[in-house]
Amino acid sequence: MIISTTAYAQKYPERHHVRKGNSLYESQRMEEAQRSYRNALQLDSLSVEGTFNLGDAQFAMGDFATAENTFKTLLENDRLTDEQRAKTHYNLGNSQFQQQKLQEALDSYKSSLKLNPQDMEAKFNYAYTKKLLQQQQNEEQNQDQQQNQDQNQNNQNEQQDQQQNQQGDNQQQGDNQPQDNQPQPQEPEGDKPSPSEQPEGGEQPQPRPESEQMLNAVQAAEDKTREKVDGERVVGVGFSGKNW
C-alpha cells in the first residue's frame, strides 16, 4: 500500500498541490488556494483539475475577467472529458455573465448544454440570460426610437425657428430701407402708386422648448433598466461552483 501510494505520488506529483488547494478553497482561503493550484500547474501545465480549480478560486474572489481567461485556456486542453468540458463551459458562462457579457454567456451555457443536456443549472442560466438579453435589446431599441423622435423634433423646431427668423429679417429690411433726400421728379397724381402698409415691427421668433427634458427622461429609463437587470442578476444566476 505504501509502495502504491509512493508510485502514484511520483507519477502525479501535482496532485499533492491540487489537494492542498482544494482544502484551502473549502476554508475560504482563496489566495492561498490559488498559490497551491499554480504550484500544481508548474509541475503539470496541462493539469485539468489544477486549471479548473484555479479558475474557480479566481471567480470566488470576484476576479471574473481572469477566471474567464483561465476557463478559456482550459477549453483548449485535449485532456478534457465531455463532462469536464461541459462544466468548464458552464463556469465560463458564469464568469462572462458577471461581467454583463450576456451574449457570450448565453453561448457558453448553450455549449455546456450540448454536452450535458440534463444539467438543470445550465438550463436555468441559459433561459434566464436569454430573457435578460431580450429585455436589454428591447430597451436599446426603445431608446434608439426615442432618440430618433427627439432628433426629428429638434430638426422641426430648428426649421420653424429659421423660417420665423427669415420672416423677421425680411420685414426688418423693409422697415430699414434707406430714404433718398434728393428731390424726386413728381409723377402725375393719377399714376402714383399707393404706398403699401408696413407693420410697425417684424414678428420675432418665439422661444421653442428644448429637448433636454426628453433626453433626461430617456437617461432615467436607461438607469432604471440597468438597476433592474443588476438586481435580478444577483438572484438569478448562481456562483461558479462546479468542482471535481
C-alpha atoms as a PDB file:
ATOM      1  CA  MET A   1       0.000   0.000   0.000  1.00  0.00           C
ATOM      2  CA  ILE A   2       2.848   2.389   0.819  1.00  0.00           C
ATOM      3  CA  ILE A   3       4.648   1.424  -2.376  1.00  0.00           C
ATOM      4  CA  SER A   4       1.479   2.026  -4.424  1.00  0.00           C
ATOM      5  CA  THR A   5       0.910   5.443  -2.861  1.00  0.00           C
ATOM      6  CA  THR A   6       4.522   6.424  -3.402  1.00  0.00           C
ATOM      7  CA  ALA A   7       4.393   5.364  -7.038  1.00  0.00           C
ATOM      8  CA  TYR A   8       1.188   7.381  -7.561  1.00  0.00           C
ATOM      9  CA  ALA A   9       2.751  10.467  -5.962  1.00  0.00           C
ATOM     10  CA  GLN A  10       5.780  10.127  -8.183  1.00  0.00           C
ATOM     11  CA  LYS A  11       3.648   9.735 -11.302  1.00  0.00           C
ATOM     12  CA  TYR A  12       1.306  12.601 -10.416  1.00  0.00           C
ATOM     13  CA  PRO A  13       3.356  14.995  -8.254  1.00  0.00           C
ATOM     14  CA  GLU A  14       0.953  17.889  -8.924  1.00  0.00           C
ATOM     15  CA  ARG A  15      -1.879  16.063  -7.123  1.00  0.00           C
ATOM     16  CA  HIS A  16      -0.448  16.988  -3.730  1.00  0.00           C
ATOM     17  CA  HIS A  17      -0.754  20.698  -4.536  1.00  0.00           C
ATOM     18  CA  VAL A  18      -4.240  20.259  -6.003  1.00  0.00           C
ATOM     19  CA  ARG A  19      -5.484  18.505  -2.854  1.00  0.00           C
ATOM     20  CA  LYS A  20      -3.906  21.194  -0.697  1.00  0.00           C
ATOM     21  CA  GLY A  21      -5.512  23.885  -2.835  1.00  0.00           C
ATOM     22  CA  ASN A  22      -8.904  22.179  -2.516  1.00  0.00           C
ATOM     23  CA  SER A  23      -8.591  22.138   1.268  1.00  0.00           C
ATOM     24  CA  LEU A  24      -7.700  25.817   1.305  1.00  0.00           C
ATOM     25  CA  TYR A  25     -10.571  26.536  -1.081  1.00  0.00           C
ATOM     26  CA  GLU A  26     -13.061  24.859   1.250  1.00  0.00           C
ATOM     27  CA  SER A  27     -11.682  27.006   4.079  1.00  0.00           C
ATOM     28  CA  GLN A  28     -12.299  30.141   2.002  1.00  0.00           C
ATOM     29  CA  ARG A  29      -8.568  30.899   1.888  1.00  0.00           C
ATOM     30  CA  MET A  30      -8.711  31.723  -1.800  1.00  0.00           C
ATOM     31  CA  GLU A  31      -5.357  33.451  -2.247  1.00  0.00           C
ATOM     32  CA  GLU A  32      -3.509  30.529  -0.702  1.00  0.00           C
ATOM     33  CA  ALA A  33      -5.602  28.105  -2.736  1.00  0.00           C
ATOM     34  CA  GLN A  34      -4.587  29.880  -5.920  1.00  0.00           C
ATOM     35  CA  ARG A  35      -0.925  29.573  -4.989  1.00  0.00           C
ATOM     36  CA  SER A  36      -1.334  25.837  -4.491  1.00  0.00           C
ATOM     37  CA  TYR A  37      -3.061  25.410  -7.830  1.00  0.00           C
ATOM     38  CA  ARG A  38      -0.313  27.388  -9.556  1.00  0.00           C
ATOM     39  CA  ASN A  39       2.270  25.173  -7.877  1.00  0.00           C
ATOM     40  CA  ALA A  40       0.450  22.186  -9.352  1.00  0.00           C
ATOM     41  CA  LEU A  41       0.491  23.778 -12.802  1.00  0.00           C
ATOM     42  CA  GLN A  42       4.228  24.353 -12.545  1.00  0.00           C
ATOM     43  CA  LEU A  43       4.632  20.588 -12.270  1.00  0.00           C
ATOM     44  CA  ASP A  44       1.994  19.827 -14.910  1.00  0.00           C
ATOM     45  CA  SER A  45       0.873  22.764 -17.034  1.00  0.00           C
ATOM     46  CA  LEU A  46      -1.957  20.661 -18.518  1.00  0.00           C
ATOM     47  CA  SER A  47      -3.442  19.614 -15.179  1.00  0.00           C
ATOM     48  CA  VAL A  48      -7.189  19.773 -15.733  1.00  0.00           C
ATOM     49  CA  GLU A  49      -8.048  19.899 -12.028  1.00  0.00           C
ATOM     50  CA  GLY A  50      -5.374  22.478 -11.276  1.00  0.00           C
ATOM     51  CA  THR A  51      -6.529  24.805 -14.057  1.00  0.00           C
ATOM     52  CA  PHE A  52     -10.243  24.381 -13.404  1.00  0.00           C
ATOM     53  CA  ASN A  53      -9.951  24.898  -9.654  1.00  0.00           C
ATOM     54  CA  LEU A  54      -7.680  27.900 -10.179  1.00  0.00           C
ATOM     55  CA  GLY A  55     -10.428  29.487 -12.275  1.00  0.00           C
ATOM     56  CA  ASP A  56     -12.956  28.664  -9.557  1.00  0.00           C
ATOM     57  CA  ALA A  57     -10.811  30.379  -6.918  1.00  0.00           C
ATOM     58  CA  GLN A  58     -10.381  33.432  -9.138  1.00  0.00           C
ATOM     59  CA  PHE A  59     -14.145  33.581  -9.630  1.00  0.00           C
ATOM     60  CA  ALA A  60     -14.751  33.265  -5.886  1.00  0.00           C
ATOM     61  CA  MET A  61     -12.543  36.327  -5.315  1.00  0.00           C
ATOM     62  CA  GLY A  62     -14.524  38.354  -7.860  1.00  0.00           C
ATOM     63  CA  ASP A  63     -11.758  38.368 -10.480  1.00  0.00           C
ATOM     64  CA  PHE A  64     -14.203  37.434 -13.235  1.00  0.00           C
ATOM     65  CA  ALA A  65     -12.097  38.553 -16.206  1.00  0.00           C
ATOM     66  CA  THR A  66      -9.119  36.463 -15.078  1.00  0.00           C
ATOM     67  CA  ALA A  67     -11.367  33.488 -14.369  1.00  0.00           C
ATOM     68  CA  GLU A  68     -12.842  33.834 -17.858  1.00  0.00           C
ATOM     69  CA  ASN A  69      -9.371  33.636 -19.395  1.00  0.00           C
ATOM     70  CA  THR A  70      -8.480  30.627 -17.246  1.00  0.00           C
ATOM     71  CA  PHE A  71     -11.565  28.688 -18.353  1.00  0.00           C
ATOM     72  CA  LYS A  72     -10.958  29.617 -21.994  1.00  0.00           C
ATOM     73  CA  THR A  73      -7.421  28.268 -21.676  1.00  0.00           C
ATOM     74  CA  LEU A  74      -8.739  25.052 -20.158  1.00  0.00           C
ATOM     75  CA  LEU A  75     -11.110  24.502 -23.087  1.00  0.00           C
ATOM     76  CA  GLU A  76      -8.035  24.194 -25.319  1.00  0.00           C
ATOM     77  CA  ASN A  77      -6.819  21.233 -23.250  1.00  0.00           C
ATOM     78  CA  ASP A  78      -7.223  17.919 -25.090  1.00  0.00           C
ATOM     79  CA  ARG A  79      -7.327  16.024 -21.794  1.00  0.00           C
ATOM     80  CA  LEU A  80     -10.839  17.258 -21.011  1.00  0.00           C
ATOM     81  CA  THR A  81     -13.628  14.696 -20.979  1.00  0.00           C
ATOM     82  CA  ASP A  82     -17.038  15.747 -22.274  1.00  0.00           C
ATOM     83  CA  GLU A  83     -18.304  16.068 -18.697  1.00  0.00           C
ATOM     84  CA  GLN A  84     -15.369  18.261 -17.712  1.00  0.00           C
ATOM     85  CA  ARG A  85     -15.747  20.323 -20.870  1.00  0.00           C
ATOM     86  CA  ALA A  86     -19.446  20.894 -20.101  1.00  0.00           C
ATOM     87  CA  LYS A  87     -18.575  22.104 -16.581  1.00  0.00           C
ATOM     88  CA  THR A  88     -15.878  24.383 -17.967  1.00  0.00           C
ATOM     89  CA  HIS A  89     -18.308  25.960 -20.428  1.00  0.00           C
ATOM     90  CA  TYR A  90     -20.757  26.434 -17.547  1.00  0.00           C
ATOM     91  CA  ASN A  91     -18.214  28.236 -15.366  1.00  0.00           C
ATOM     92  CA  LEU A  92     -17.030  30.253 -18.340  1.00  0.00           C
ATOM     93  CA  GLY A  93     -20.634  31.377 -18.825  1.00  0.00           C
ATOM     94  CA  ASN A  94     -20.883  32.429 -15.181  1.00  0.00           C
ATOM     95  CA  SER A  95     -17.672  34.447 -15.469  1.00  0.00           C
ATOM     96  CA  GLN A  96     -18.977  36.203 -18.565  1.00  0.00           C
ATOM     97  CA  PHE A  97     -22.392  36.799 -17.019  1.00  0.00           C
ATOM     98  CA  GLN A  98     -20.843  38.549 -14.033  1.00  0.00           C
ATOM     99  CA  GLN A  99     -19.178  40.936 -16.481  1.00  0.00           C
ATOM    100  CA  GLN A 100     -22.556  41.535 -18.184  1.00  0.00           C
ATOM    101  CA  LYS A 101     -21.338  39.844 -21.359  1.00  0.00           C
ATOM    102  CA  LEU A 102     -24.787  38.397 -21.838  1.00  0.00           C
ATOM    103  CA  GLN A 103     -24.468  37.163 -25.399  1.00  0.00           C
ATOM    104  CA  GLU A 104     -21.149  35.431 -24.702  1.00  0.00           C
ATOM    105  CA  ALA A 105     -22.555  33.903 -21.503  1.00  0.00           C
ATOM    106  CA  LEU A 106     -25.576  32.634 -23.418  1.00  0.00           C
ATOM    107  CA  ASP A 107     -23.301  30.950 -25.972  1.00  0.00           C
ATOM    108  CA  SER A 108     -21.259  29.325 -23.199  1.00  0.00           C
ATOM    109  CA  TYR A 109     -24.340  27.928 -21.448  1.00  0.00           C
ATOM    110  CA  LYS A 110     -25.552  26.624 -24.786  1.00  0.00           C
ATOM    111  CA  SER A 111     -22.229  24.852 -25.371  1.00  0.00           C
ATOM    112  CA  SER A 112     -22.481  23.322 -21.900  1.00  0.00           C
ATOM    113  CA  LEU A 113     -25.985  22.025 -22.586  1.00  0.00           C
ATOM    114  CA  LYS A 114     -24.927  20.466 -25.871  1.00  0.00           C
ATOM    115  CA  LEU A 115     -22.504  18.287 -23.920  1.00  0.00           C
ATOM    116  CA  ASN A 116     -24.790  17.722 -20.919  1.00  0.00           C
ATOM    117  CA  PRO A 117     -28.467  18.402 -21.765  1.00  0.00           C
ATOM    118  CA  GLN A 118     -29.588  17.246 -18.305  1.00  0.00           C
ATOM    119  CA  ASP A 119     -27.731  19.956 -16.377  1.00  0.00           C
ATOM    120  CA  MET A 120     -30.575  21.867 -14.702  1.00  0.00           C
ATOM    121  CA  GLU A 121     -28.322  24.716 -13.531  1.00  0.00           C
ATOM    122  CA  ALA A 122     -27.106  25.301 -17.075  1.00  0.00           C
ATOM    123  CA  LYS A 123     -30.702  25.144 -18.328  1.00  0.00           C
ATOM    124  CA  PHE A 124     -31.824  27.767 -15.825  1.00  0.00           C
ATOM    125  CA  ASN A 125     -28.886  30.052 -16.517  1.00  0.00           C
ATOM    126  CA  TYR A 126     -29.400  29.752 -20.255  1.00  0.00           C
ATOM    127  CA  ALA A 127     -33.103  30.641 -20.025  1.00  0.00           C
ATOM    128  CA  TYR A 128     -32.521  33.440 -17.524  1.00  0.00           C
ATOM    129  CA  THR A 129     -29.693  35.004 -19.520  1.00  0.00           C
ATOM    130  CA  LYS A 130     -31.707  34.787 -22.722  1.00  0.00           C
ATOM    131  CA  LYS A 131     -34.570  36.643 -21.030  1.00  0.00           C
ATOM    132  CA  LEU A 132     -32.270  39.414 -19.776  1.00  0.00           C
ATOM    133  CA  LEU A 133     -30.619  39.721 -23.165  1.00  0.00           C
ATOM    134  CA  GLN A 134     -34.004  40.140 -24.868  1.00  0.00           C
ATOM    135  CA  GLN A 135     -35.000  42.783 -22.328  1.00  0.00           C
ATOM    136  CA  GLN A 136     -31.742  44.616 -22.891  1.00  0.00           C
ATOM    137  CA  GLN A 137     -32.181  44.548 -26.654  1.00  0.00           C
ATOM    138  CA  ASN A 138     -35.757  45.823 -26.351  1.00  0.00           C
ATOM    139  CA  GLU A 139     -34.635  48.670 -24.102  1.00  0.00           C
ATOM    140  CA  GLU A 140     -31.870  49.642 -26.527  1.00  0.00           C
ATOM    141  CA  GLN A 141     -34.338  49.587 -29.409  1.00  0.00           C
ATOM    142  CA  ASN A 142     -36.782  51.775 -27.497  1.00  0.00           C
ATOM    143  CA  GLN A 143     -34.003  54.217 -26.633  1.00  0.00           C
ATOM    144  CA  ASP A 144     -32.940  54.419 -30.275  1.00  0.00           C
ATOM    145  CA  GLN A 145     -36.511  55.130 -31.316  1.00  0.00           C
ATOM    146  CA  GLN A 146     -36.875  57.798 -28.631  1.00  0.00           C
ATOM    147  CA  GLN A 147     -33.600  59.434 -29.667  1.00  0.00           C
ATOM    148  CA  ASN A 148     -34.719  59.442 -33.298  1.00  0.00           C
ATOM    149  CA  GLN A 149     -38.002  61.065 -32.302  1.00  0.00           C
ATOM    150  CA  ASP A 150     -36.152  63.666 -30.257  1.00  0.00           C
ATOM    151  CA  GLN A 151     -33.817  64.384 -33.156  1.00  0.00           C
ATOM    152  CA  ASN A 152     -36.721  64.746 -35.573  1.00  0.00           C
ATOM    153  CA  GLN A 153     -38.470  67.097 -33.159  1.00  0.00           C
ATOM    154  CA  ASN A 154     -35.297  69.150 -32.820  1.00  0.00           C
ATOM    155  CA  ASN A 155     -34.963  69.371 -36.591  1.00  0.00           C
ATOM    156  CA  GLN A 156     -38.562  70.534 -36.916  1.00  0.00           C
ATOM    157  CA  ASN A 157     -38.045  73.153 -34.217  1.00  0.00           C
ATOM    158  CA  GLU A 158     -34.899  74.398 -35.927  1.00  0.00           C
ATOM    159  CA  GLN A 159     -36.672  74.651 -39.282  1.00  0.00           C
ATOM    160  CA  GLN A 160     -39.536  76.586 -37.726  1.00  0.00           C
ATOM    161  CA  ASP A 161     -37.102  78.905 -35.967  1.00  0.00           C
ATOM    162  CA  GLN A 162     -35.212  79.509 -39.201  1.00  0.00           C
ATOM    163  CA  GLN A 163     -38.424  80.279 -41.055  1.00  0.00           C
ATOM    164  CA  GLN A 164     -39.532  82.738 -38.386  1.00  0.00           C
ATOM    165  CA  ASN A 165     -36.106  84.344 -38.304  1.00  0.00           C
ATOM    166  CA  GLN A 166     -36.200  84.728 -42.076  1.00  0.00           C
ATOM    167  CA  GLN A 167     -39.633  86.343 -41.934  1.00  0.00           C
ATOM    168  CA  GLY A 168     -38.438  88.724 -39.242  1.00  0.00           C
ATOM    169  CA  ASP A 169     -35.342  89.643 -41.277  1.00  0.00           C
ATOM    170  CA  ASN A 170     -37.404  90.340 -44.395  1.00  0.00           C
ATOM    171  CA  GLN A 171     -39.775  92.599 -42.515  1.00  0.00           C
ATOM    172  CA  GLN A 172     -36.889  94.418 -40.823  1.00  0.00           C
ATOM    173  CA  GLN A 173     -35.227  95.022 -44.172  1.00  0.00           C
ATOM    174  CA  GLY A 174     -38.455  96.585 -45.417  1.00  0.00           C
ATOM    175  CA  ASP A 175     -38.545  98.947 -42.441  1.00  0.00           C
ATOM    176  CA  ASN A 176     -34.876  99.891 -42.741  1.00  0.00           C
ATOM    177  CA  GLN A 177     -34.746 100.768 -46.452  1.00  0.00           C
ATOM    178  CA  PRO A 178     -32.665 103.991 -46.870  1.00  0.00           C
ATOM    179  CA  GLN A 179     -34.545 107.163 -47.806  1.00  0.00           C
ATOM    180  CA  ASP A 180     -33.202 109.351 -50.651  1.00  0.00           C
ATOM    181  CA  ASN A 181     -33.040 113.018 -49.560  1.00  0.00           C
ATOM    182  CA  GLN A 182     -32.681 114.306 -53.097  1.00  0.00           C
ATOM    183  CA  PRO A 183     -35.836 115.760 -54.643  1.00  0.00           C
ATOM    184  CA  GLN A 184     -37.580 113.312 -56.925  1.00  0.00           C
ATOM    185  CA  PRO A 185     -39.458 114.224 -60.055  1.00  0.00           C
ATOM    186  CA  GLN A 186     -43.135 114.486 -59.418  1.00  0.00           C
ATOM    187  CA  GLU A 187     -45.351 111.995 -61.115  1.00  0.00           C
ATOM    188  CA  PRO A 188     -48.891 112.635 -62.111  1.00  0.00           C
ATOM    189  CA  GLU A 189     -51.195 112.132 -59.209  1.00  0.00           C
ATOM    190  CA  GLY A 190     -53.219 109.555 -61.016  1.00  0.00           C
ATOM    191  CA  ASP A 191     -50.182 107.418 -61.878  1.00  0.00           C
ATOM    192  CA  LYS A 192     -48.633 107.488 -58.396  1.00  0.00           C
ATOM    193  CA  PRO A 193     -48.876 104.047 -56.764  1.00  0.00           C
ATOM    194  CA  SER A 194     -50.485 103.773 -53.359  1.00  0.00           C
ATOM    195  CA  PRO A 195     -47.928 103.167 -50.602  1.00  0.00           C
ATOM    196  CA  SER A 196     -48.140  99.672 -49.140  1.00  0.00           C
ATOM    197  CA  GLU A 197     -48.843  99.476 -45.457  1.00  0.00           C
ATOM    198  CA  GLN A 198     -45.915  98.177 -43.433  1.00  0.00           C
ATOM    199  CA  PRO A 199     -46.290  96.583 -39.988  1.00  0.00           C
ATOM    200  CA  GLU A 200     -44.833  98.525 -37.130  1.00  0.00           C
ATOM    201  CA  GLY A 201     -42.238  95.809 -36.467  1.00  0.00           C
ATOM    202  CA  GLY A 202     -41.195  92.390 -37.758  1.00  0.00           C
ATOM    203  CA  GLU A 203     -42.551  89.363 -35.943  1.00  0.00           C
ATOM    204  CA  GLN A 204     -39.961  87.998 -33.577  1.00  0.00           C
ATOM    205  CA  PRO A 205     -39.460  84.253 -33.259  1.00  0.00           C
ATOM    206  CA  GLN A 206     -40.946  82.761 -30.155  1.00  0.00           C
ATOM    207  CA  PRO A 207     -38.700  80.655 -27.950  1.00  0.00           C
ATOM    208  CA  ARG A 208     -39.100  76.926 -28.507  1.00  0.00           C
ATOM    209  CA  PRO A 209     -38.882  74.266 -25.794  1.00  0.00           C
ATOM    210  CA  GLU A 210     -35.563  72.433 -25.710  1.00  0.00           C
ATOM    211  CA  SER A 211     -35.364  68.644 -25.822  1.00  0.00           C
ATOM    212  CA  GLU A 212     -33.342  68.437 -22.606  1.00  0.00           C
ATOM    213  CA  GLN A 213     -36.310  67.150 -20.632  1.00  0.00           C
ATOM    214  CA  MET A 214     -36.877  64.382 -23.181  1.00  0.00           C
ATOM    215  CA  LEU A 215     -33.229  63.323 -23.074  1.00  0.00           C
ATOM    216  CA  ASN A 216     -33.310  63.302 -19.264  1.00  0.00           C
ATOM    217  CA  ALA A 217     -36.344  61.023 -19.415  1.00  0.00           C
ATOM    218  CA  VAL A 218     -34.534  58.638 -21.744  1.00  0.00           C
ATOM    219  CA  GLN A 219     -31.494  58.552 -19.442  1.00  0.00           C
ATOM    220  CA  ALA A 220     -33.700  57.911 -16.418  1.00  0.00           C
ATOM    221  CA  ALA A 221     -35.329  54.967 -18.207  1.00  0.00           C
ATOM    222  CA  GLU A 222     -31.927  53.543 -19.076  1.00  0.00           C
ATOM    223  CA  ASP A 223     -30.693  53.841 -15.469  1.00  0.00           C
ATOM    224  CA  LYS A 224     -33.840  52.191 -14.181  1.00  0.00           C
ATOM    225  CA  THR A 225     -33.419  49.277 -16.586  1.00  0.00           C
ATOM    226  CA  ARG A 226     -29.756  48.775 -15.622  1.00  0.00           C
ATOM    227  CA  GLU A 227     -30.687  48.738 -11.903  1.00  0.00           C
ATOM    228  CA  LYS A 228     -33.380  46.180 -12.617  1.00  0.00           C
ATOM    229  CA  VAL A 229     -31.008  43.889 -14.509  1.00  0.00           C
ATOM    230  CA  ASP A 230     -28.336  44.198 -11.827  1.00  0.00           C
ATOM    231  CA  GLY A 231     -30.829  43.377  -9.116  1.00  0.00           C
ATOM    232  CA  GLU A 232     -32.143  40.289 -10.883  1.00  0.00           C
ATOM    233  CA  ARG A 233     -28.647  39.104 -11.729  1.00  0.00           C
ATOM    234  CA  VAL A 234     -27.721  38.525  -8.081  1.00  0.00           C
ATOM    235  CA  VAL A 235     -30.694  36.256  -7.549  1.00  0.00           C
ATOM    236  CA  GLY A 236     -30.919  34.626 -10.937  1.00  0.00           C
ATOM    237  CA  VAL A 237     -27.502  33.148 -11.667  1.00  0.00           C
ATOM    238  CA  GLY A 238     -25.652  31.258  -9.005  1.00  0.00           C
ATOM    239  CA  PHE A 239     -21.931  31.416  -8.340  1.00  0.00           C
ATOM    240  CA  SER A 240     -19.478  29.192 -10.108  1.00  0.00           C
ATOM    241  CA  GLY A 241     -19.310  26.064  -8.027  1.00  0.00           C
ATOM    242  CA  LYS A 242     -18.789  23.026 -10.265  1.00  0.00           C
ATOM    243  CA  ASN A 243     -15.711  21.313  -8.975  1.00  0.00           C
ATOM    244  CA  TRP A 244     -14.209  17.857  -9.075  1.00  0.00           C
END
